[in-house]
Amino acid sequence: VALVSGTENKGIHVVANDPISLYGLNRLTATTDAYLALPVNALGMDYTIVSYTTLYANLGSSFCAVATQNGTTLTVYNHQTNSTSTINLNQGQTYYVEAPVIGEDLTGSRIQSNLPVAVFGSVEGAYIPAGCVALDHIVEQMFPRYSWGKNFITVPLAGRDASGDIFRIVAAEDGTTISINGTLTTTINTGAFYETNLTGYNSITTSKATILAQFAKSFTCSGNITGDPFMMLIPPREQFLTNYTVTTVTGFSSHWVNIVAPDYALNAIYQDGVLIPVSAFTQVGATGFYGAQRSVTAGSHT
C-alpha cells in the first residue's frame, strides 16, 4: 500500500537467522524500481535526501523515514519549504513528505533523529531529465551521513545509447569542491546539489564527504531502447568490500551488474566462481581504477 503524507503504521521489520541481502521492489508494469535495504546495524541518525525534481504534478519528489524503536524523535528540515519540524514516531511508524508541484525538489532535505532510522528518497513519477519521456517511480534507501565518502568511480548503464547518465552530488558541508576526471568543476554548500550528464567511465572526487546518485534517463533520451528512469546510489571508494551477493528478478529484458575495482584487484575477481578476465575491464583515466559491465541471468549472483 502506497505511503501518503504524514505518519502511518507501514514499516516492515524483516529478521533472518543467517545473513541475507534484502531488496525492496516496487514492481508495476513500465514503472519499476528497487532499493537495497540496509540492515539495522548500518542505519544512522543523520541523513540528507537525494531525490529528483517534480516534473509531473502530484507525482512528486519525496522522502520517508521509518522508526526502528519506540520514542523516536525526528528533526526534519524540508529543503523545498526551508522549514524545520519535529516528528515523534514509534517502532514501525513511517513519516512521508511529498512535494507535488512541478519544479519542486526535496533533494537536500535533512532528517536527524535520536535513534537509528531508515530513510528513503524517491519520486512518485519522474521524467529524467526534464523534457524526456516516459516517467517511472524511482526510489533508494539513503546512506547515513557517516558512510558518505570523497572518491567515486562511475560506470555507464548498459543496454542504452552512449549519451550518458544523469548524476547528482549532494554536499553535507559548505565549501565542498567537486572535481570530475581531475578537473575542478564547482563548489557547493550544505544541502546543495550539482547535477550533470556524464558519458563513459568517470572519476568524481570531492573535498568533503558527499553522496552520489546515478539516474537512468527516460526512454526518449537514452536511444529509444528498452528502459526508463531509475535511481541508484554509488558507494564511495571508502565503502568498497571484497564480497557481494546480489540478485535480479525475472520478467525483464536484460540483467546487468557494474563492477569497479582497483588495478591490484584485477585477475582476482570471480563472478559465480569463474574468473572475470582482465579484458572485461575498462581503465578509468589515470585513477588506477577499472570498471566493467557484466551481463548476468535473472537470479542470485556472487
Protein backbone atom coordinates (compact mmCIF):
# COMPACT_ATOMS: atom_id res chain seq x y z
CA VAL A 1 0.00 0.00 0.00
CA ALA A 2 1.50 3.32 -1.05
CA LEU A 3 2.58 5.86 1.52
CA VAL A 4 0.57 9.04 1.94
CA SER A 5 1.69 12.28 3.56
CA GLY A 6 2.22 12.27 7.31
CA THR A 7 2.58 9.48 9.86
CA GLU A 8 1.37 5.92 9.24
CA ASN A 9 1.99 2.38 10.51
CA LYS A 10 3.62 0.99 7.38
CA GLY A 11 7.10 -0.07 8.48
CA ILE A 12 8.22 -3.63 7.72
CA HIS A 13 10.67 -5.46 10.01
CA VAL A 14 12.49 -8.46 8.49
CA VAL A 15 14.52 -10.82 10.70
CA ALA A 16 16.61 -13.78 9.49
CA ASN A 17 18.58 -16.45 11.32
CA ASP A 18 21.51 -16.09 8.88
CA PRO A 19 22.89 -13.07 6.99
CA ILE A 20 20.81 -12.08 3.96
CA SER A 21 20.66 -9.45 1.25
CA LEU A 22 17.26 -7.75 1.21
CA TYR A 23 15.72 -5.63 -1.53
CA GLY A 24 12.56 -3.59 -1.71
CA LEU A 25 10.96 -3.78 -5.15
CA ASN A 26 8.10 -1.69 -6.46
CA ARG A 27 7.08 -3.82 -9.41
CA LEU A 28 4.49 -2.33 -11.72
CA THR A 29 4.47 -2.69 -15.50
CA ALA A 30 6.56 0.11 -17.05
CA THR A 31 7.31 1.83 -13.73
CA THR A 32 9.51 -0.43 -11.59
CA ASP A 33 12.39 0.46 -9.27
CA ALA A 34 14.11 -1.20 -6.33
CA TYR A 35 16.47 -0.45 -3.47
CA LEU A 36 18.94 -2.33 -1.30
CA ALA A 37 17.58 -2.48 2.24
CA LEU A 38 20.27 -1.59 4.78
CA PRO A 39 20.50 -3.77 7.92
CA VAL A 40 19.57 -2.16 11.22
CA ASN A 41 23.19 -2.12 12.42
CA ALA A 42 24.11 0.04 9.40
CA LEU A 43 21.42 2.67 9.97
CA GLY A 44 22.22 6.14 11.26
CA MET A 45 20.71 9.20 12.88
CA ASP A 46 21.63 11.85 10.30
CA TYR A 47 20.62 11.78 6.63
CA THR A 48 20.44 14.12 3.66
CA ILE A 49 17.95 13.30 0.93
CA VAL A 50 18.73 12.62 -2.73
CA SER A 51 15.62 12.73 -4.90
CA TYR A 52 14.73 14.36 -8.21
CA THR A 53 12.68 17.32 -9.37
CA THR A 54 8.89 17.03 -9.57
CA LEU A 55 8.13 17.16 -13.29
CA TYR A 56 4.58 15.75 -13.23
CA ALA A 57 2.03 17.30 -10.89
CA ASN A 58 1.09 15.19 -7.85
CA LEU A 59 3.72 12.54 -8.64
CA GLY A 60 6.30 14.42 -6.67
CA SER A 61 9.77 14.45 -5.17
CA SER A 62 9.50 12.62 -1.83
CA PHE A 63 11.21 11.29 1.28
CA CYS A 64 10.28 8.90 4.05
CA ALA A 65 11.67 7.88 7.45
CA VAL A 66 10.90 4.63 9.31
CA ALA A 67 11.42 4.31 13.07
CA THR A 68 13.23 1.23 14.43
CA GLN A 69 12.41 1.92 18.10
CA ASN A 70 9.72 3.46 20.24
CA GLY A 71 10.33 7.03 21.33
CA THR A 72 11.98 8.13 18.09
CA THR A 73 12.08 11.89 17.52
CA LEU A 74 12.81 13.27 14.06
CA THR A 75 14.07 16.74 13.31
CA VAL A 76 13.11 17.24 9.67
CA TYR A 77 14.44 20.08 7.53
CA ASN A 78 12.45 20.45 4.32
CA HIS A 79 14.79 21.94 1.74
CA GLN A 80 11.93 22.92 -0.56
CA THR A 81 9.99 24.94 2.05
CA ASN A 82 13.05 25.96 4.11
CA SER A 83 11.19 24.86 7.24
CA THR A 84 12.00 22.53 10.16
CA SER A 85 9.56 20.31 12.02
CA THR A 86 9.70 17.80 14.87
CA ILE A 87 8.01 14.41 14.42
CA ASN A 88 7.53 11.70 17.07
CA LEU A 89 7.38 8.07 15.96
CA ASN A 90 7.21 4.62 17.50
CA GLN A 91 8.69 1.41 16.10
CA GLY A 92 7.38 0.64 12.63
CA GLN A 93 5.82 4.04 12.09
CA THR A 94 6.61 5.95 8.90
CA TYR A 95 6.75 9.66 8.13
CA TYR A 96 6.34 10.64 4.47
CA VAL A 97 6.63 14.01 2.72
CA GLU A 98 5.94 14.73 -0.96
CA ALA A 99 6.42 17.92 -2.98
CA PRO A 100 3.59 17.72 -5.55
CA VAL A 101 4.11 20.93 -7.53
CA ILE A 102 6.08 20.90 -10.79
CA GLY A 103 9.55 22.31 -10.21
CA GLU A 104 9.72 21.40 -6.51
CA ASP A 105 12.57 19.22 -5.27
CA LEU A 106 13.21 17.70 -1.83
CA THR A 107 16.87 16.92 -2.59
CA GLY A 108 18.99 18.43 0.19
CA SER A 109 16.37 17.93 2.91
CA ARG A 110 17.82 16.62 6.16
CA ILE A 111 16.49 14.10 8.68
CA GLN A 112 18.12 13.83 12.12
CA SER A 113 16.93 11.55 14.90
CA ASN A 114 17.67 10.48 18.46
CA LEU A 115 17.56 6.78 17.49
CA PRO A 116 18.53 4.94 14.28
CA VAL A 117 16.03 5.26 11.44
CA ALA A 118 15.72 4.06 7.84
CA VAL A 119 15.34 6.89 5.31
CA PHE A 120 14.29 6.83 1.66
CA GLY A 121 14.45 9.32 -1.20
CA SER A 122 12.05 8.89 -4.10
CA VAL A 123 9.88 10.41 -6.79
CA GLU A 124 6.41 9.01 -7.35
CA GLY A 125 6.79 9.53 -11.10
CA ALA A 126 9.97 11.03 -12.56
CA TYR A 127 10.92 12.24 -16.00
CA ILE A 128 14.74 12.27 -16.21
CA PRO A 129 15.87 14.77 -17.26
CA ALA A 130 13.18 17.37 -17.95
CA GLY A 131 11.73 17.10 -21.45
CA CYS A 132 12.35 13.36 -21.74
CA VAL A 133 9.63 10.69 -21.84
CA ALA A 134 8.49 8.44 -20.15
CA LEU A 135 8.19 8.65 -16.39
CA ASP A 136 8.86 5.99 -13.73
CA HIS A 137 8.75 5.66 -9.97
CA ILE A 138 12.30 5.95 -8.56
CA VAL A 139 13.47 5.13 -5.04
CA GLU A 140 16.61 4.46 -2.99
CA GLN A 141 17.27 3.89 0.68
CA MET A 142 19.59 6.72 1.75
CA PHE A 143 23.09 6.11 3.11
CA PRO A 144 23.52 7.75 6.53
CA ARG A 145 25.98 10.64 6.53
CA TYR A 146 28.64 8.71 8.46
CA SER A 147 29.03 6.39 5.44
CA TRP A 148 29.49 9.11 2.80
CA GLY A 149 32.83 9.47 1.03
CA LYS A 150 35.01 11.61 -1.22
CA ASN A 151 36.12 9.28 -4.03
CA PHE A 152 33.79 7.74 -6.62
CA ILE A 153 34.15 5.83 -9.88
CA THR A 154 31.18 5.60 -12.25
CA VAL A 155 30.33 3.02 -14.89
CA PRO A 156 27.75 3.73 -17.62
CA LEU A 157 24.47 1.83 -17.70
CA ALA A 158 24.41 -0.95 -20.28
CA GLY A 159 21.63 -1.60 -22.76
CA ARG A 160 21.19 2.07 -23.69
CA ASP A 161 22.82 4.51 -26.08
CA ALA A 162 26.13 6.28 -25.42
CA SER A 163 24.60 9.63 -24.44
CA GLY A 164 25.41 9.07 -20.77
CA ASP A 165 23.61 9.03 -17.45
CA ILE A 166 22.48 11.77 -15.07
CA PHE A 167 24.39 12.21 -11.80
CA ARG A 168 23.62 14.23 -8.66
CA ILE A 169 26.19 15.03 -5.99
CA VAL A 170 24.87 16.34 -2.66
CA ALA A 171 27.03 18.09 -0.05
CA ALA A 172 26.90 17.86 3.74
CA GLU A 173 29.16 20.83 4.38
CA ASP A 174 29.76 24.31 2.99
CA GLY A 175 32.67 24.79 0.62
CA THR A 176 32.59 21.29 -0.87
CA THR A 177 34.57 21.24 -4.11
CA ILE A 178 33.76 18.75 -6.86
CA SER A 179 36.31 17.53 -9.40
CA ILE A 180 35.36 15.32 -12.36
CA ASN A 181 38.13 13.40 -14.10
CA GLY A 182 40.69 15.59 -12.37
CA THR A 183 39.15 18.93 -13.34
CA LEU A 184 37.67 21.21 -10.69
CA THR A 185 34.03 21.62 -11.69
CA THR A 186 32.23 23.59 -8.98
CA THR A 187 31.87 24.30 -5.26
CA ILE A 188 28.60 23.70 -3.40
CA ASN A 189 27.34 24.25 0.15
CA THR A 190 25.37 22.26 2.71
CA GLY A 191 22.30 20.59 1.20
CA ALA A 192 23.04 21.86 -2.29
CA PHE A 193 23.50 19.53 -5.25
CA TYR A 194 25.34 19.51 -8.54
CA GLU A 195 23.69 17.71 -11.46
CA THR A 196 25.45 16.69 -14.65
CA ASN A 197 25.30 14.27 -17.58
CA LEU A 198 28.37 12.04 -17.84
CA THR A 199 29.25 9.63 -20.62
CA GLY A 200 31.60 6.67 -20.34
CA TYR A 201 33.65 5.83 -17.24
CA ASN A 202 34.39 8.67 -14.80
CA SER A 203 36.15 9.66 -11.60
CA ILE A 204 34.47 12.06 -9.16
CA THR A 205 36.33 13.42 -6.14
CA THR A 206 35.06 15.87 -3.53
CA SER A 207 36.92 17.82 -0.88
CA LYS A 208 34.39 16.87 1.82
CA ALA A 209 32.11 13.86 2.16
CA THR A 210 29.24 13.69 -0.33
CA ILE A 211 26.55 11.32 -1.55
CA LEU A 212 26.33 10.44 -5.26
CA ALA A 213 23.31 9.19 -7.21
CA GLN A 214 23.23 7.85 -10.76
CA PHE A 215 19.97 8.10 -12.71
CA ALA A 216 18.94 6.23 -15.83
CA LYS A 217 17.33 8.53 -18.37
CA SER A 218 13.85 8.35 -19.79
CA PHE A 219 13.28 6.27 -22.92
CA THR A 220 13.36 9.09 -25.48
CA CYS A 221 16.66 10.44 -24.18
CA SER A 222 18.54 7.15 -23.94
CA GLY A 223 18.28 5.97 -27.54
CA ASN A 224 14.66 4.80 -27.57
CA ILE A 225 15.95 1.48 -26.24
CA THR A 226 14.26 -0.61 -23.55
CA GLY A 227 14.27 1.16 -20.21
CA ASP A 228 13.12 4.26 -18.37
CA PRO A 229 14.29 6.18 -15.27
CA PHE A 230 15.65 4.53 -12.17
CA MET A 231 17.89 5.74 -9.37
CA MET A 232 20.87 4.15 -7.65
CA LEU A 233 23.40 5.33 -5.10
CA ILE A 234 27.09 4.88 -5.91
CA PRO A 235 29.19 3.67 -2.94
CA PRO A 236 32.39 5.69 -2.44
CA ARG A 237 35.80 4.03 -2.55
CA GLU A 238 35.83 4.25 1.24
CA GLN A 239 32.96 1.71 1.39
CA PHE A 240 34.23 -0.91 -1.07
CA LEU A 241 34.01 -4.56 0.05
CA THR A 242 35.56 -7.79 -1.21
CA ASN A 243 32.43 -9.96 -1.49
CA TYR A 244 28.90 -9.22 -2.69
CA THR A 245 25.79 -11.31 -3.26
CA VAL A 246 23.20 -9.61 -5.46
CA THR A 247 20.03 -10.68 -7.20
CA THR A 248 17.79 -9.70 -10.05
CA VAL A 249 14.20 -10.82 -10.65
CA THR A 250 12.56 -12.43 -13.64
CA GLY A 251 10.43 -10.61 -16.18
CA PHE A 252 12.96 -8.10 -17.55
CA SER A 253 14.66 -7.97 -20.96
CA SER A 254 18.24 -7.93 -19.67
CA HIS A 255 20.18 -8.01 -16.40
CA TRP A 256 23.47 -6.26 -15.65
CA VAL A 257 25.97 -5.78 -12.85
CA ASN A 258 28.51 -2.94 -12.84
CA ILE A 259 31.84 -3.56 -11.13
CA VAL A 260 34.52 -1.06 -10.08
CA ALA A 261 37.91 -2.30 -8.88
CA PRO A 262 41.44 -1.02 -8.23
CA ASP A 263 44.14 -2.22 -10.59
CA TYR A 264 45.69 -4.54 -7.98
CA ALA A 265 42.41 -6.49 -7.69
CA LEU A 266 42.24 -7.38 -11.38
CA ASN A 267 42.82 -11.03 -12.24
CA ALA A 268 41.43 -11.94 -8.81
CA ILE A 269 37.72 -11.12 -9.20
CA TYR A 270 35.31 -14.00 -9.63
CA GLN A 271 31.73 -14.00 -10.88
CA ASP A 272 29.90 -17.03 -9.52
CA GLY A 273 33.24 -18.77 -9.06
CA VAL A 274 34.55 -18.02 -12.56
CA LEU A 275 37.45 -15.60 -13.00
CA ILE A 276 36.47 -12.39 -14.79
CA PRO A 277 39.12 -11.74 -17.47
CA VAL A 278 41.09 -8.52 -17.27
CA SER A 279 39.91 -7.77 -20.80
CA ALA A 280 36.38 -7.23 -19.43
CA PHE A 281 37.54 -4.09 -17.59
CA THR A 282 37.97 -0.54 -18.88
CA GLN A 283 40.58 1.73 -17.32
CA VAL A 284 39.17 4.92 -15.79
CA GLY A 285 41.62 7.64 -16.79
CA ALA A 286 44.74 7.78 -14.63
CA THR A 287 42.89 6.82 -11.43
CA GLY A 288 44.22 3.30 -11.06
CA PHE A 289 40.64 2.02 -11.14
CA TYR A 290 38.82 -0.05 -13.72
CA GLY A 291 35.14 -0.61 -14.48
CA ALA A 292 33.20 -3.45 -16.07
CA GLN A 293 29.64 -4.10 -17.25
CA ARG A 294 28.68 -7.74 -16.72
CA SER A 295 25.64 -9.38 -18.26
CA VAL A 296 24.00 -11.84 -15.86
CA THR A 297 21.00 -14.11 -15.81
CA ALA A 298 17.99 -13.50 -13.61
CA GLY A 299 18.61 -14.69 -10.06
CA SER A 300 21.33 -14.56 -7.43
CA HIS A 301 25.00 -13.90 -8.17
CA THR A 302 28.17 -13.61 -6.07
